Amino acid sequence: MDAGRLNQKLEVWAMVKLPNELNEMDYVPRMLKAVHAEIIPQTGSLQRQQGIETVLSQVTHKVIVRYLSGKFITPDMWMLYRGQRFNIRFILDPFMRHEKLELFCEEVIG
């Protein structure tokens, strides 16, 4: 794996269970770790609904991280890069070699 291609620094976020002032368990968003990654745009589409002036866009990306840096990542987490949120759709370990992880993400716009 060419480490020089991992030139973006992403923050991995998740909902973490913490007690509140009433000793009840609440879920709050927290940054878990910052990882170096490569971001590759995959697809993009615009969707328009008839009679509504709203345009929806859907952009997907492939994020590549080192296996040992990202093996804790699960699909219920999300990533932030320069303030832009990426929801994880699924995670792939190519050829089961434990060298890198490919995270297929959807960019959240709005």
N, C-alpha and C. Protein backbone atom coordinates (compact mmCIF):
# COMPACT_ATOMS: atom_id res chain seq x y z
N MET A 1 0.84 -1.17 0.00
CA MET A 1 0.00 0.00 0.00
C MET A 1 0.88 1.24 0.00
N ASP A 2 0.59 2.17 -0.87
CA ASP A 2 1.35 3.40 -0.99
C ASP A 2 0.86 4.41 0.04
N ALA A 3 1.64 4.61 1.10
CA ALA A 3 1.23 5.51 2.19
C ALA A 3 1.17 6.96 1.74
N GLY A 4 1.85 7.32 0.67
CA GLY A 4 1.83 8.69 0.18
C GLY A 4 0.47 9.11 -0.36
N ARG A 5 -0.38 8.15 -0.69
CA ARG A 5 -1.71 8.47 -1.21
C ARG A 5 -2.69 8.79 -0.08
N LEU A 6 -2.35 8.45 1.15
CA LEU A 6 -3.22 8.72 2.29
C LEU A 6 -2.96 10.14 2.78
N ASN A 7 -3.35 11.11 1.96
CA ASN A 7 -2.97 12.50 2.21
C ASN A 7 -4.09 13.35 2.81
N GLN A 8 -5.21 12.77 3.17
CA GLN A 8 -6.31 13.50 3.80
C GLN A 8 -6.44 13.04 5.24
N LYS A 9 -6.74 13.96 6.14
CA LYS A 9 -6.94 13.60 7.54
C LYS A 9 -8.42 13.70 7.86
N LEU A 10 -9.02 12.56 8.19
CA LEU A 10 -10.44 12.48 8.49
C LEU A 10 -10.66 12.27 9.98
N GLU A 11 -11.77 12.80 10.47
CA GLU A 11 -12.17 12.55 11.84
C GLU A 11 -13.29 11.51 11.82
N VAL A 12 -13.16 10.47 12.65
CA VAL A 12 -14.18 9.43 12.75
C VAL A 12 -15.04 9.76 13.97
N TRP A 13 -16.36 9.85 13.76
CA TRP A 13 -17.31 10.22 14.80
C TRP A 13 -18.30 9.08 15.03
N ALA A 14 -18.85 9.05 16.25
CA ALA A 14 -19.88 8.06 16.58
C ALA A 14 -20.74 8.61 17.72
N MET A 15 -21.87 7.98 17.91
CA MET A 15 -22.73 8.29 19.05
C MET A 15 -22.24 7.47 20.24
N VAL A 16 -21.85 8.16 21.31
CA VAL A 16 -21.27 7.51 22.49
C VAL A 16 -22.25 7.63 23.65
N LYS A 17 -22.40 6.56 24.40
CA LYS A 17 -23.30 6.55 25.54
C LYS A 17 -22.61 7.16 26.75
N LEU A 18 -23.20 8.24 27.30
CA LEU A 18 -22.66 8.93 28.47
C LEU A 18 -23.79 9.23 29.46
N PRO A 19 -23.49 9.22 30.76
CA PRO A 19 -24.53 9.56 31.73
C PRO A 19 -24.77 11.07 31.75
N ASN A 20 -26.03 11.46 31.93
CA ASN A 20 -26.36 12.88 32.03
C ASN A 20 -26.52 13.28 33.50
N GLU A 21 -27.02 14.48 33.75
CA GLU A 21 -27.12 14.98 35.13
C GLU A 21 -28.14 14.22 35.97
N LEU A 22 -29.03 13.46 35.35
CA LEU A 22 -30.01 12.65 36.08
C LEU A 22 -29.59 11.18 36.19
N ASN A 23 -28.32 10.91 35.86
CA ASN A 23 -27.75 9.55 35.84
C ASN A 23 -28.48 8.63 34.86
N GLU A 24 -29.03 9.21 33.82
CA GLU A 24 -29.60 8.43 32.72
C GLU A 24 -28.56 8.38 31.62
N MET A 25 -28.65 7.37 30.79
CA MET A 25 -27.69 7.23 29.70
C MET A 25 -28.20 7.95 28.46
N ASP A 26 -27.41 8.88 27.97
CA ASP A 26 -27.71 9.63 26.76
C ASP A 26 -26.67 9.29 25.69
N TYR A 27 -27.07 9.43 24.44
CA TYR A 27 -26.14 9.27 23.33
C TYR A 27 -25.74 10.65 22.85
N VAL A 28 -24.45 10.90 22.79
CA VAL A 28 -23.94 12.19 22.32
C VAL A 28 -22.89 11.93 21.24
N PRO A 29 -22.81 12.81 20.22
CA PRO A 29 -21.78 12.62 19.19
C PRO A 29 -20.40 12.99 19.73
N ARG A 30 -19.42 12.13 19.44
CA ARG A 30 -18.04 12.35 19.88
C ARG A 30 -17.07 11.93 18.77
N MET A 31 -15.96 12.67 18.68
CA MET A 31 -14.91 12.26 17.75
C MET A 31 -14.11 11.15 18.42
N LEU A 32 -13.95 10.02 17.73
CA LEU A 32 -13.23 8.89 18.28
C LEU A 32 -11.75 8.94 17.95
N LYS A 33 -11.44 9.26 16.69
CA LYS A 33 -10.05 9.19 16.24
C LYS A 33 -9.90 9.95 14.93
N ALA A 34 -8.71 10.44 14.67
CA ALA A 34 -8.38 11.04 13.38
C ALA A 34 -7.51 10.04 12.61
N VAL A 35 -7.86 9.78 11.37
CA VAL A 35 -7.11 8.82 10.55
C VAL A 35 -6.71 9.47 9.24
N HIS A 36 -5.62 9.01 8.67
CA HIS A 36 -5.20 9.45 7.34
C HIS A 36 -5.85 8.55 6.30
N ALA A 37 -6.33 9.16 5.23
CA ALA A 37 -7.10 8.41 4.25
C ALA A 37 -6.94 9.02 2.87
N GLU A 38 -7.39 8.26 1.90
CA GLU A 38 -7.49 8.73 0.51
C GLU A 38 -8.98 8.77 0.17
N ILE A 39 -9.44 9.88 -0.38
CA ILE A 39 -10.86 10.04 -0.75
C ILE A 39 -10.96 10.04 -2.27
N ILE A 40 -11.77 9.12 -2.79
CA ILE A 40 -11.96 8.99 -4.24
C ILE A 40 -13.44 9.17 -4.56
N PRO A 41 -13.82 10.23 -5.30
CA PRO A 41 -15.24 10.38 -5.69
C PRO A 41 -15.65 9.23 -6.61
N GLN A 42 -16.87 8.72 -6.41
CA GLN A 42 -17.36 7.60 -7.21
C GLN A 42 -18.49 8.00 -8.14
N THR A 43 -19.63 8.37 -7.58
CA THR A 43 -20.79 8.71 -8.41
C THR A 43 -21.47 9.95 -7.88
N GLY A 44 -22.27 10.54 -8.70
CA GLY A 44 -23.07 11.68 -8.30
C GLY A 44 -24.33 11.74 -9.14
N SER A 45 -25.41 12.17 -8.52
CA SER A 45 -26.67 12.27 -9.27
C SER A 45 -27.53 13.38 -8.67
N LEU A 46 -28.33 13.97 -9.51
CA LEU A 46 -29.31 14.98 -9.08
C LEU A 46 -30.70 14.39 -9.23
N GLN A 47 -31.53 14.64 -8.25
CA GLN A 47 -32.90 14.14 -8.28
C GLN A 47 -33.85 15.32 -8.13
N ARG A 48 -34.80 15.40 -9.03
CA ARG A 48 -35.82 16.45 -8.96
C ARG A 48 -37.17 15.78 -8.86
N GLN A 49 -38.00 16.35 -8.01
CA GLN A 49 -39.34 15.82 -7.86
C GLN A 49 -40.32 16.73 -8.58
N GLN A 50 -41.28 16.12 -9.23
CA GLN A 50 -42.23 16.87 -10.02
C GLN A 50 -43.12 17.71 -9.11
N GLY A 51 -43.24 18.99 -9.43
CA GLY A 51 -44.08 19.90 -8.67
C GLY A 51 -43.39 20.53 -7.48
N ILE A 52 -42.18 20.10 -7.16
CA ILE A 52 -41.43 20.64 -6.03
C ILE A 52 -40.15 21.26 -6.57
N GLU A 53 -39.80 22.43 -6.09
CA GLU A 53 -38.63 23.13 -6.58
C GLU A 53 -37.33 22.70 -5.90
N THR A 54 -37.37 21.61 -5.12
CA THR A 54 -36.20 21.15 -4.40
C THR A 54 -35.40 20.19 -5.26
N VAL A 55 -34.10 20.37 -5.26
CA VAL A 55 -33.21 19.47 -5.98
C VAL A 55 -32.38 18.71 -4.94
N LEU A 56 -32.42 17.40 -5.00
CA LEU A 56 -31.64 16.56 -4.10
C LEU A 56 -30.43 16.03 -4.84
N SER A 57 -29.29 16.02 -4.18
CA SER A 57 -28.11 15.45 -4.82
C SER A 57 -27.59 14.32 -3.97
N GLN A 58 -27.04 13.33 -4.63
CA GLN A 58 -26.47 12.18 -3.94
C GLN A 58 -25.08 11.95 -4.51
N VAL A 59 -24.08 12.08 -3.67
CA VAL A 59 -22.69 11.92 -4.09
C VAL A 59 -22.07 10.83 -3.23
N THR A 60 -21.44 9.85 -3.88
CA THR A 60 -20.79 8.77 -3.14
C THR A 60 -19.28 8.86 -3.33
N HIS A 61 -18.56 8.41 -2.30
CA HIS A 61 -17.11 8.42 -2.31
C HIS A 61 -16.59 7.09 -1.77
N LYS A 62 -15.38 6.77 -2.16
CA LYS A 62 -14.68 5.63 -1.58
C LYS A 62 -13.54 6.20 -0.76
N VAL A 63 -13.48 5.83 0.51
CA VAL A 63 -12.44 6.29 1.42
C VAL A 63 -11.56 5.09 1.75
N ILE A 64 -10.26 5.22 1.53
CA ILE A 64 -9.31 4.13 1.78
C ILE A 64 -8.46 4.49 2.99
N VAL A 65 -8.44 3.59 3.98
CA VAL A 65 -7.62 3.77 5.18
C VAL A 65 -6.80 2.50 5.42
N ARG A 66 -5.74 2.62 6.22
CA ARG A 66 -4.99 1.44 6.61
C ARG A 66 -5.86 0.54 7.47
N TYR A 67 -5.66 -0.75 7.37
CA TYR A 67 -6.49 -1.71 8.10
C TYR A 67 -6.38 -1.51 9.60
N LEU A 68 -5.17 -1.40 10.12
CA LEU A 68 -4.99 -1.28 11.56
C LEU A 68 -5.50 0.05 12.10
N SER A 69 -5.49 1.10 11.29
CA SER A 69 -6.02 2.40 11.71
C SER A 69 -7.54 2.42 11.73
N GLY A 70 -8.17 1.60 10.90
CA GLY A 70 -9.61 1.70 10.75
C GLY A 70 -10.40 0.46 11.11
N LYS A 71 -9.77 -0.54 11.73
CA LYS A 71 -10.51 -1.78 11.99
C LYS A 71 -11.61 -1.61 13.03
N PHE A 72 -11.61 -0.51 13.79
CA PHE A 72 -12.65 -0.24 14.76
C PHE A 72 -13.88 0.41 14.13
N ILE A 73 -13.79 0.85 12.89
CA ILE A 73 -14.87 1.59 12.23
C ILE A 73 -16.02 0.65 11.89
N THR A 74 -17.24 1.10 12.19
CA THR A 74 -18.45 0.33 11.88
C THR A 74 -19.38 1.21 11.03
N PRO A 75 -20.35 0.59 10.35
CA PRO A 75 -21.23 1.37 9.47
C PRO A 75 -22.12 2.39 10.17
N ASP A 76 -22.27 2.32 11.50
CA ASP A 76 -23.11 3.31 12.18
C ASP A 76 -22.34 4.58 12.52
N MET A 77 -21.07 4.65 12.17
CA MET A 77 -20.25 5.83 12.40
C MET A 77 -20.28 6.75 11.18
N TRP A 78 -19.70 7.93 11.31
CA TRP A 78 -19.56 8.85 10.17
C TRP A 78 -18.22 9.54 10.26
N MET A 79 -17.83 10.20 9.18
CA MET A 79 -16.55 10.88 9.11
C MET A 79 -16.75 12.33 8.74
N LEU A 80 -15.86 13.17 9.22
CA LEU A 80 -15.86 14.58 8.86
C LEU A 80 -14.53 14.91 8.19
N TYR A 81 -14.63 15.63 7.07
CA TYR A 81 -13.46 16.11 6.37
C TYR A 81 -13.72 17.56 5.99
N ARG A 82 -12.96 18.48 6.58
CA ARG A 82 -13.14 19.92 6.34
C ARG A 82 -14.58 20.37 6.56
N GLY A 83 -15.20 19.84 7.61
CA GLY A 83 -16.56 20.21 7.95
C GLY A 83 -17.64 19.50 7.16
N GLN A 84 -17.26 18.68 6.19
CA GLN A 84 -18.23 17.94 5.38
C GLN A 84 -18.41 16.54 5.95
N ARG A 85 -19.66 16.11 6.10
CA ARG A 85 -19.97 14.82 6.71
C ARG A 85 -20.12 13.73 5.65
N PHE A 86 -19.56 12.57 5.95
CA PHE A 86 -19.67 11.39 5.09
C PHE A 86 -20.25 10.25 5.91
N ASN A 87 -21.45 9.78 5.56
CA ASN A 87 -22.05 8.62 6.22
C ASN A 87 -21.50 7.35 5.58
N ILE A 88 -21.15 6.37 6.40
CA ILE A 88 -20.59 5.11 5.91
C ILE A 88 -21.73 4.19 5.50
N ARG A 89 -21.72 3.72 4.27
CA ARG A 89 -22.72 2.78 3.78
C ARG A 89 -22.29 1.33 4.01
N PHE A 90 -21.08 0.98 3.60
CA PHE A 90 -20.55 -0.35 3.90
C PHE A 90 -19.04 -0.33 3.86
N ILE A 91 -18.44 -1.37 4.44
CA ILE A 91 -16.99 -1.45 4.61
C ILE A 91 -16.51 -2.73 3.92
N LEU A 92 -15.41 -2.61 3.18
CA LEU A 92 -14.87 -3.74 2.43
C LEU A 92 -13.39 -3.90 2.73
N ASP A 93 -12.98 -5.13 3.01
CA ASP A 93 -11.58 -5.49 3.15
C ASP A 93 -11.19 -6.23 1.86
N PRO A 94 -10.56 -5.54 0.88
CA PRO A 94 -10.30 -6.17 -0.42
C PRO A 94 -9.45 -7.43 -0.30
N PHE A 95 -9.94 -8.50 -0.86
CA PHE A 95 -9.26 -9.79 -0.93
C PHE A 95 -8.92 -10.35 0.45
N MET A 96 -9.54 -9.82 1.51
CA MET A 96 -9.32 -10.27 2.89
C MET A 96 -7.84 -10.33 3.26
N ARG A 97 -7.10 -9.30 2.84
CA ARG A 97 -5.65 -9.28 3.08
C ARG A 97 -5.27 -8.50 4.33
N HIS A 98 -6.20 -7.78 4.92
CA HIS A 98 -5.96 -6.97 6.12
C HIS A 98 -4.86 -5.94 5.91
N GLU A 99 -4.82 -5.35 4.72
CA GLU A 99 -3.87 -4.27 4.42
C GLU A 99 -4.55 -2.92 4.46
N LYS A 100 -5.74 -2.85 3.88
CA LYS A 100 -6.48 -1.59 3.82
C LYS A 100 -7.96 -1.89 3.91
N LEU A 101 -8.71 -0.86 4.25
CA LEU A 101 -10.17 -0.94 4.26
C LEU A 101 -10.71 0.08 3.28
N GLU A 102 -11.72 -0.32 2.53
CA GLU A 102 -12.40 0.59 1.63
C GLU A 102 -13.76 0.88 2.24
N LEU A 103 -13.99 2.13 2.55
CA LEU A 103 -15.25 2.57 3.15
C LEU A 103 -16.06 3.27 2.07
N PHE A 104 -17.20 2.74 1.73
CA PHE A 104 -18.05 3.36 0.73
C PHE A 104 -19.02 4.28 1.46
N CYS A 105 -18.94 5.57 1.14
CA CYS A 105 -19.64 6.61 1.90
C CYS A 105 -20.54 7.43 1.00
N GLU A 106 -21.51 8.07 1.65
CA GLU A 106 -22.39 9.00 0.98
C GLU A 106 -22.18 10.37 1.62
N GLU A 107 -21.93 11.37 0.80
CA GLU A 107 -21.71 12.71 1.30
C GLU A 107 -23.06 13.33 1.69
N VAL A 108 -23.10 13.89 2.88
CA VAL A 108 -24.33 14.53 3.37
C VAL A 108 -24.24 16.00 3.02
N ILE A 109 -25.18 16.45 2.21
CA ILE A 109 -25.19 17.84 1.76
C ILE A 109 -26.36 18.55 2.42
N GLY A 110 -26.04 19.64 3.09
CA GLY A 110 -27.11 20.41 3.70
C GLY A 110 -26.89 20.72 5.14
